[in-house]
Amino acid sequence: MEQLVQYLVCLLVDKPDQVRVRAVSASYGKVYEVDVAPDELGKVIGRHGRTANALRSVVEAAARKRGEKASVEIAS
């Protein structure tokens, strides 16, 4: 799942070498914290958060298919 998040975020940014994804266990499942270059943050969040919401939807659906729960947080 972490590789999926890494792959999707790298497609969105111009500096994929600066993308960091960290998996953190939470009471309800895994939380994937995404860290990108400060000037790339807008590309990951998108206009009105649409890109971030789409990323979260894809990851949640993939996790659900595996019987897991997952969430994505974008670190600033």
PDB file of N, CA and C in Angstrom:
ATOM      1  N   MET A   1       0.825  -1.185   0.000  1.00  0.00           N
ATOM      2  CA  MET A   1       0.000   0.000   0.000  1.00  0.00           C
ATOM      3  C   MET A   1       0.875   1.256   0.000  1.00  0.00           C
ATOM      4  N   GLU A   2       1.949   1.196   0.760  1.00  0.00           N
ATOM      5  CA  GLU A   2       2.866   2.339   0.815  1.00  0.00           C
ATOM      6  C   GLU A   2       3.455   2.632  -0.568  1.00  0.00           C
ATOM      7  N   GLN A   3       3.734   1.575  -1.317  1.00  0.00           N
ATOM      8  CA  GLN A   3       4.275   1.751  -2.671  1.00  0.00           C
ATOM      9  C   GLN A   3       3.242   2.383  -3.594  1.00  0.00           C
ATOM     10  N   LEU A   4       1.984   2.061  -3.419  1.00  0.00           N
ATOM     11  CA  LEU A   4       0.916   2.664  -4.216  1.00  0.00           C
ATOM     12  C   LEU A   4       0.858   4.165  -3.963  1.00  0.00           C
ATOM     13  N   VAL A   5       0.896   4.562  -2.703  1.00  0.00           N
ATOM     14  CA  VAL A   5       0.863   5.983  -2.356  1.00  0.00           C
ATOM     15  C   VAL A   5       2.080   6.689  -2.951  1.00  0.00           C
ATOM     16  N   GLN A   6       3.244   6.095  -2.793  1.00  0.00           N
ATOM     17  CA  GLN A   6       4.485   6.670  -3.331  1.00  0.00           C
ATOM     18  C   GLN A   6       4.370   6.846  -4.845  1.00  0.00           C
ATOM     19  N   TYR A   7       3.894   5.832  -5.530  1.00  0.00           N
ATOM     20  CA  TYR A   7       3.766   5.873  -6.977  1.00  0.00           C
ATOM     21  C   TYR A   7       2.814   6.980  -7.428  1.00  0.00           C
ATOM     22  N   LEU A   8       1.650   7.055  -6.803  1.00  0.00           N
ATOM     23  CA  LEU A   8       0.652   8.047  -7.204  1.00  0.00           C
ATOM     24  C   LEU A   8       1.132   9.471  -6.948  1.00  0.00           C
ATOM     25  N   VAL A   9       1.756   9.702  -5.812  1.00  0.00           N
ATOM     26  CA  VAL A   9       2.234  11.048  -5.498  1.00  0.00           C
ATOM     27  C   VAL A   9       3.387  11.435  -6.423  1.00  0.00           C
ATOM     28  N   CYS A  10       4.262  10.500  -6.728  1.00  0.00           N
ATOM     29  CA  CYS A  10       5.383  10.793  -7.637  1.00  0.00           C
ATOM     30  C   CYS A  10       4.891  11.197  -9.020  1.00  0.00           C
ATOM     31  N   LEU A  11       3.762  10.658  -9.450  1.00  0.00           N
ATOM     32  CA  LEU A  11       3.197  11.044 -10.744  1.00  0.00           C
ATOM     33  C   LEU A  11       2.688  12.480 -10.743  1.00  0.00           C
ATOM     34  N   LEU A  12       2.338  12.990  -9.574  1.00  0.00           N
ATOM     35  CA  LEU A  12       1.761  14.328  -9.469  1.00  0.00           C
ATOM     36  C   LEU A  12       2.793  15.445  -9.419  1.00  0.00           C
ATOM     37  N   VAL A  13       3.985  15.162  -8.941  1.00  0.00           N
ATOM     38  CA  VAL A  13       4.967  16.217  -8.675  1.00  0.00           C
ATOM     39  C   VAL A  13       6.080  16.245  -9.722  1.00  0.00           C
ATOM     40  N   ASP A  14       6.812  17.366  -9.735  1.00  0.00           N
ATOM     41  CA  ASP A  14       7.945  17.512 -10.644  1.00  0.00           C
ATOM     42  C   ASP A  14       9.248  16.996 -10.027  1.00  0.00           C
ATOM     43  N   LYS A  15       9.290  16.882  -8.707  1.00  0.00           N
ATOM     44  CA  LYS A  15      10.488  16.425  -8.007  1.00  0.00           C
ATOM     45  C   LYS A  15      10.179  15.140  -7.239  1.00  0.00           C
ATOM     46  N   PRO A  16      10.044  14.019  -7.942  1.00  0.00           N
ATOM     47  CA  PRO A  16       9.658  12.776  -7.270  1.00  0.00           C
ATOM     48  C   PRO A  16      10.710  12.259  -6.290  1.00  0.00           C
ATOM     49  N   ASP A  17      11.956  12.702  -6.426  1.00  0.00           N
ATOM     50  CA  ASP A  17      12.997  12.258  -5.509  1.00  0.00           C
ATOM     51  C   ASP A  17      12.830  12.845  -4.108  1.00  0.00           C
ATOM     52  N   GLN A  18      11.996  13.885  -3.970  1.00  0.00           N
ATOM     53  CA  GLN A  18      11.776  14.511  -2.669  1.00  0.00           C
ATOM     54  C   GLN A  18      10.482  14.042  -2.002  1.00  0.00           C
ATOM     55  N   VAL A  19       9.827  13.057  -2.575  1.00  0.00           N
ATOM     56  CA  VAL A  19       8.594  12.525  -1.994  1.00  0.00           C
ATOM     57  C   VAL A  19       8.959  11.486  -0.942  1.00  0.00           C
ATOM     58  N   ARG A  20       8.368  11.635   0.233  1.00  0.00           N
ATOM     59  CA  ARG A  20       8.572  10.680   1.319  1.00  0.00           C
ATOM     60  C   ARG A  20       7.201  10.214   1.807  1.00  0.00           C
ATOM     61  N   VAL A  21       7.050   8.916   1.961  1.00  0.00           N
ATOM     62  CA  VAL A  21       5.806   8.342   2.471  1.00  0.00           C
ATOM     63  C   VAL A  21       6.162   7.503   3.684  1.00  0.00           C
ATOM     64  N   ARG A  22       5.434   7.737   4.770  1.00  0.00           N
ATOM     65  CA  ARG A  22       5.681   7.006   6.003  1.00  0.00           C
ATOM     66  C   ARG A  22       4.376   6.396   6.478  1.00  0.00           C
ATOM     67  N   ALA A  23       4.408   5.122   6.795  1.00  0.00           N
ATOM     68  CA  ALA A  23       3.219   4.428   7.300  1.00  0.00           C
ATOM     69  C   ALA A  23       3.231   4.462   8.820  1.00  0.00           C
ATOM     70  N   VAL A  24       2.111   4.884   9.385  1.00  0.00           N
ATOM     71  CA  VAL A  24       1.962   4.967  10.840  1.00  0.00           C
ATOM     72  C   VAL A  24       0.725   4.162  11.222  1.00  0.00           C
ATOM     73  N   SER A  25       0.844   3.333  12.234  1.00  0.00           N
ATOM     74  CA  SER A  25      -0.309   2.559  12.702  1.00  0.00           C
ATOM     75  C   SER A  25      -1.204   3.435  13.555  1.00  0.00           C
ATOM     76  N   ALA A  26      -2.483   3.305  13.315  1.00  0.00           N
ATOM     77  CA  ALA A  26      -3.492   4.023  14.100  1.00  0.00           C
ATOM     78  C   ALA A  26      -4.503   3.006  14.607  1.00  0.00           C
ATOM     79  N   SER A  27      -5.403   3.449  15.461  1.00  0.00           N
ATOM     80  CA  SER A  27      -6.387   2.520  16.027  1.00  0.00           C
ATOM     81  C   SER A  27      -7.337   1.964  14.966  1.00  0.00           C
ATOM     82  N   TYR A  28      -7.538   2.704  13.887  1.00  0.00           N
ATOM     83  CA  TYR A  28      -8.478   2.278  12.849  1.00  0.00           C
ATOM     84  C   TYR A  28      -7.792   1.725  11.599  1.00  0.00           C
ATOM     85  N   GLY A  29      -6.474   1.631  11.588  1.00  0.00           N
ATOM     86  CA  GLY A  29      -5.745   1.104  10.430  1.00  0.00           C
ATOM     87  C   GLY A  29      -4.439   1.835  10.229  1.00  0.00           C
ATOM     88  N   LYS A  30      -3.992   1.901   9.015  1.00  0.00           N
ATOM     89  CA  LYS A  30      -2.736   2.578   8.677  1.00  0.00           C
ATOM     90  C   LYS A  30      -3.005   3.999   8.195  1.00  0.00           C
ATOM     91  N   VAL A  31      -2.120   4.889   8.568  1.00  0.00           N
ATOM     92  CA  VAL A  31      -2.148   6.257   8.071  1.00  0.00           C
ATOM     93  C   VAL A  31      -0.851   6.451   7.299  1.00  0.00           C
ATOM     94  N   TYR A  32      -0.976   6.880   6.057  1.00  0.00           N
ATOM     95  CA  TYR A  32       0.190   7.122   5.219  1.00  0.00           C
ATOM     96  C   TYR A  32       0.430   8.626   5.163  1.00  0.00           C
ATOM     97  N   GLU A  33       1.538   9.056   5.762  1.00  0.00           N
ATOM     98  CA  GLU A  33       1.890  10.468   5.792  1.00  0.00           C
ATOM     99  C   GLU A  33       2.772  10.770   4.594  1.00  0.00           C
ATOM    100  N   VAL A  34       2.350  11.726   3.787  1.00  0.00           N
ATOM    101  CA  VAL A  34       3.052  12.093   2.567  1.00  0.00           C
ATOM    102  C   VAL A  34       3.750  13.428   2.793  1.00  0.00           C
ATOM    103  N   ASP A  35       5.028  13.471   2.498  1.00  0.00           N
ATOM    104  CA  ASP A  35       5.806  14.697   2.621  1.00  0.00           C
ATOM    105  C   ASP A  35       6.427  14.992   1.257  1.00  0.00           C
ATOM    106  N   VAL A  36       6.210  16.199   0.751  1.00  0.00           N
ATOM    107  CA  VAL A  36       6.755  16.617  -0.544  1.00  0.00           C
ATOM    108  C   VAL A  36       7.483  17.942  -0.359  1.00  0.00           C
ATOM    109  N   ALA A  37       8.174  18.375  -1.404  1.00  0.00           N
ATOM    110  CA  ALA A  37       8.846  19.671  -1.376  1.00  0.00           C
ATOM    111  C   ALA A  37       7.796  20.763  -1.168  1.00  0.00           C
ATOM    112  N   PRO A  38       8.131  21.806  -0.426  1.00  0.00           N
ATOM    113  CA  PRO A  38       7.147  22.858  -0.128  1.00  0.00           C
ATOM    114  C   PRO A  38       6.504  23.484  -1.369  1.00  0.00           C
ATOM    115  N   ASP A  39       7.252  23.628  -2.440  1.00  0.00           N
ATOM    116  CA  ASP A  39       6.687  24.227  -3.647  1.00  0.00           C
ATOM    117  C   ASP A  39       5.826  23.247  -4.448  1.00  0.00           C
ATOM    118  N   GLU A  40       5.798  21.994  -4.055  1.00  0.00           N
ATOM    119  CA  GLU A  40       5.004  20.967  -4.731  1.00  0.00           C
ATOM    120  C   GLU A  40       3.702  20.661  -3.989  1.00  0.00           C
ATOM    121  N   LEU A  41       3.536  21.246  -2.826  1.00  0.00           N
ATOM    122  CA  LEU A  41       2.385  20.944  -1.984  1.00  0.00           C
ATOM    123  C   LEU A  41       1.061  21.225  -2.687  1.00  0.00           C
ATOM    124  N   GLY A  42       0.990  22.302  -3.424  1.00  0.00           N
ATOM    125  CA  GLY A  42      -0.230  22.654  -4.137  1.00  0.00           C
ATOM    126  C   GLY A  42      -0.615  21.637  -5.190  1.00  0.00           C
ATOM    127  N   LYS A  43       0.360  21.006  -5.804  1.00  0.00           N
ATOM    128  CA  LYS A  43       0.072  19.996  -6.826  1.00  0.00           C
ATOM    129  C   LYS A  43      -0.550  18.746  -6.210  1.00  0.00           C
ATOM    130  N   VAL A  44      -0.120  18.414  -5.009  1.00  0.00           N
ATOM    131  CA  VAL A  44      -0.647  17.220  -4.345  1.00  0.00           C
ATOM    132  C   VAL A  44      -2.031  17.493  -3.759  1.00  0.00           C
ATOM    133  N   ILE A  45      -2.232  18.690  -3.240  1.00  0.00           N
ATOM    134  CA  ILE A  45      -3.532  19.034  -2.664  1.00  0.00           C
ATOM    135  C   ILE A  45      -4.548  19.317  -3.756  1.00  0.00           C
ATOM    136  N   GLY A  46      -4.159  20.071  -4.764  1.00  0.00           N
ATOM    137  CA  GLY A  46      -5.063  20.370  -5.869  1.00  0.00           C
ATOM    138  C   GLY A  46      -6.015  21.493  -5.540  1.00  0.00           C
ATOM    139  N   ARG A  47      -6.748  21.921  -6.526  1.00  0.00           N
ATOM    140  CA  ARG A  47      -7.705  23.013  -6.365  1.00  0.00           C
ATOM    141  C   ARG A  47      -8.846  22.552  -5.467  1.00  0.00           C
ATOM    142  N   HIS A  48      -9.031  23.256  -4.376  1.00  0.00           N
ATOM    143  CA  HIS A  48     -10.063  22.954  -3.379  1.00  0.00           C
ATOM    144  C   HIS A  48      -9.908  21.552  -2.797  1.00  0.00           C
ATOM    145  N   GLY A  49      -8.700  20.986  -2.830  1.00  0.00           N
ATOM    146  CA  GLY A  49      -8.451  19.680  -2.240  1.00  0.00           C
ATOM    147  C   GLY A  49      -8.914  18.503  -3.066  1.00  0.00           C
ATOM    148  N   ARG A  50      -9.248  18.749  -4.312  1.00  0.00           N
ATOM    149  CA  ARG A  50      -9.795  17.660  -5.150  1.00  0.00           C
ATOM    150  C   ARG A  50      -8.779  16.555  -5.404  1.00  0.00           C
ATOM    151  N   THR A  51      -7.534  16.921  -5.665  1.00  0.00           N
ATOM    152  CA  THR A  51      -6.514  15.907  -5.937  1.00  0.00           C
ATOM    153  C   THR A  51      -6.244  15.080  -4.686  1.00  0.00           C
ATOM    154  N   ALA A  52      -6.143  15.741  -3.548  1.00  0.00           N
ATOM    155  CA  ALA A  52      -5.909  15.028  -2.285  1.00  0.00           C
ATOM    156  C   ALA A  52      -7.071  14.086  -1.976  1.00  0.00           C
ATOM    157  N   ASN A  53      -8.290  14.535  -2.196  1.00  0.00           N
ATOM    158  CA  ASN A  53      -9.455  13.678  -1.952  1.00  0.00           C
ATOM    159  C   ASN A  53      -9.483  12.481  -2.893  1.00  0.00           C
ATOM    160  N   ALA A  54      -9.097  12.684  -4.143  1.00  0.00           N
ATOM    161  CA  ALA A  54      -9.043  11.578  -5.093  1.00  0.00           C
ATOM    162  C   ALA A  54      -7.976  10.562  -4.679  1.00  0.00           C
ATOM    163  N   LEU A  55      -6.823  11.056  -4.225  1.00  0.00           N
ATOM    164  CA  LEU A  55      -5.751  10.187  -3.748  1.00  0.00           C
ATOM    165  C   LEU A  55      -6.234   9.367  -2.555  1.00  0.00           C
ATOM    166  N   ARG A  56      -6.911  10.015  -1.634  1.00  0.00           N
ATOM    167  CA  ARG A  56      -7.449   9.310  -0.463  1.00  0.00           C
ATOM    168  C   ARG A  56      -8.466   8.247  -0.880  1.00  0.00           C
ATOM    169  N   SER A  57      -9.310   8.571  -1.841  1.00  0.00           N
ATOM    170  CA  SER A  57     -10.328   7.619  -2.293  1.00  0.00           C
ATOM    171  C   SER A  57      -9.705   6.382  -2.911  1.00  0.00           C
ATOM    172  N   VAL A  58      -8.687   6.572  -3.729  1.00  0.00           N
ATOM    173  CA  VAL A  58      -8.019   5.436  -4.378  1.00  0.00           C
ATOM    174  C   VAL A  58      -7.352   4.543  -3.339  1.00  0.00           C
ATOM    175  N   VAL A  59      -6.659   5.151  -2.393  1.00  0.00           N
ATOM    176  CA  VAL A  59      -5.949   4.380  -1.363  1.00  0.00           C
ATOM    177  C   VAL A  59      -6.946   3.659  -0.451  1.00  0.00           C
ATOM    178  N   GLU A  60      -8.017   4.330  -0.063  1.00  0.00           N
ATOM    179  CA  GLU A  60      -9.022   3.685   0.783  1.00  0.00           C
ATOM    180  C   GLU A  60      -9.678   2.510   0.059  1.00  0.00           C
ATOM    181  N   ALA A  61      -9.956   2.671  -1.220  1.00  0.00           N
ATOM    182  CA  ALA A  61     -10.571   1.586  -1.990  1.00  0.00           C
ATOM    183  C   ALA A  61      -9.617   0.405  -2.136  1.00  0.00           C
ATOM    184  N   ALA A  62      -8.351   0.675  -2.387  1.00  0.00           N
ATOM    185  CA  ALA A  62      -7.367  -0.398  -2.517  1.00  0.00           C
ATOM    186  C   ALA A  62      -7.191  -1.132  -1.188  1.00  0.00           C
ATOM    187  N   ALA A  63      -7.199  -0.388  -0.101  1.00  0.00           N
ATOM    188  CA  ALA A  63      -7.073  -1.011   1.218  1.00  0.00           C
ATOM    189  C   ALA A  63      -8.303  -1.855   1.536  1.00  0.00           C
ATOM    190  N   ARG A  64      -9.480  -1.331   1.225  1.00  0.00           N
ATOM    191  CA  ARG A  64     -10.723  -2.056   1.476  1.00  0.00           C
ATOM    192  C   ARG A  64     -10.744  -3.381   0.707  1.00  0.00           C
ATOM    193  N   LYS A  65     -10.197  -3.354  -0.503  1.00  0.00           N
ATOM    194  CA  LYS A  65     -10.159  -4.566  -1.324  1.00  0.00           C
ATOM    195  C   LYS A  65      -9.287  -5.640  -0.666  1.00  0.00           C
ATOM    196  N   ARG A  66      -8.288  -5.190   0.099  1.00  0.00           N
ATOM    197  CA  ARG A  66      -7.401  -6.125   0.801  1.00  0.00           C
ATOM    198  C   ARG A  66      -7.895  -6.434   2.211  1.00  0.00           C
ATOM    199  N   GLY A  67      -9.048  -5.880   2.591  1.00  0.00           N
ATOM    200  CA  GLY A  67      -9.589  -6.126   3.925  1.00  0.00           C
ATOM    201  C   GLY A  67      -8.940  -5.268   4.996  1.00  0.00           C
ATOM    202  N   GLU A  68      -8.376  -4.158   4.605  1.00  0.00           N
ATOM    203  CA  GLU A  68      -7.684  -3.275   5.539  1.00  0.00           C
ATOM    204  C   GLU A  68      -8.349  -1.907   5.536  1.00  0.00           C
ATOM    205  N   LYS A  69      -7.886  -1.046   6.424  1.00  0.00           N
ATOM    206  CA  LYS A  69      -8.334   0.351   6.434  1.00  0.00           C
ATOM    207  C   LYS A  69      -7.089   1.223   6.333  1.00  0.00           C
ATOM    208  N   ALA A  70      -7.176   2.253   5.503  1.00  0.00           N
ATOM    209  CA  ALA A  70      -6.040   3.129   5.291  1.00  0.00           C
ATOM    210  C   ALA A  70      -6.511   4.560   5.075  1.00  0.00           C
ATOM    211  N   SER A  71      -5.633   5.474   5.378  1.00  0.00           N
ATOM    212  CA  SER A  71      -5.918   6.894   5.228  1.00  0.00           C
ATOM    213  C   SER A  71      -4.638   7.590   4.769  1.00  0.00           C
ATOM    214  N   VAL A  72      -4.789   8.721   4.106  1.00  0.00           N
ATOM    215  CA  VAL A  72      -3.632   9.490   3.632  1.00  0.00           C
ATOM    216  C   VAL A  72      -3.684  10.878   4.238  1.00  0.00           C
ATOM    217  N   GLU A  73      -2.553  11.303   4.791  1.00  0.00           N
ATOM    218  CA  GLU A  73      -2.414  12.652   5.311  1.00  0.00           C
ATOM    219  C   GLU A  73      -1.255  13.319   4.585  1.00  0.00           C
ATOM    220  N   ILE A  74      -1.450  14.565   4.218  1.00  0.00           N
ATOM    221  CA  ILE A  74      -0.417  15.297   3.515  1.00  0.00           C
ATOM    222  C   ILE A  74       0.227  16.260   4.502  1.00  0.00           C
ATOM    223  N   ALA A  75       1.502  16.030   4.781  1.00  0.00           N
ATOM    224  CA  ALA A  75       2.236  16.862   5.735  1.00  0.00           C
ATOM    225  C   ALA A  75       2.691  18.133   5.046  1.00  0.00           C
ATOM    226  N   SER A  76       2.598  19.221   5.762  1.00  0.00           N
ATOM    227  CA  SER A  76       3.011  20.500   5.172  1.00  0.00           C
ATOM    228  C   SER A  76       4.413  20.858   5.607  1.00  0.00           C
TER     229      SER A  76
END
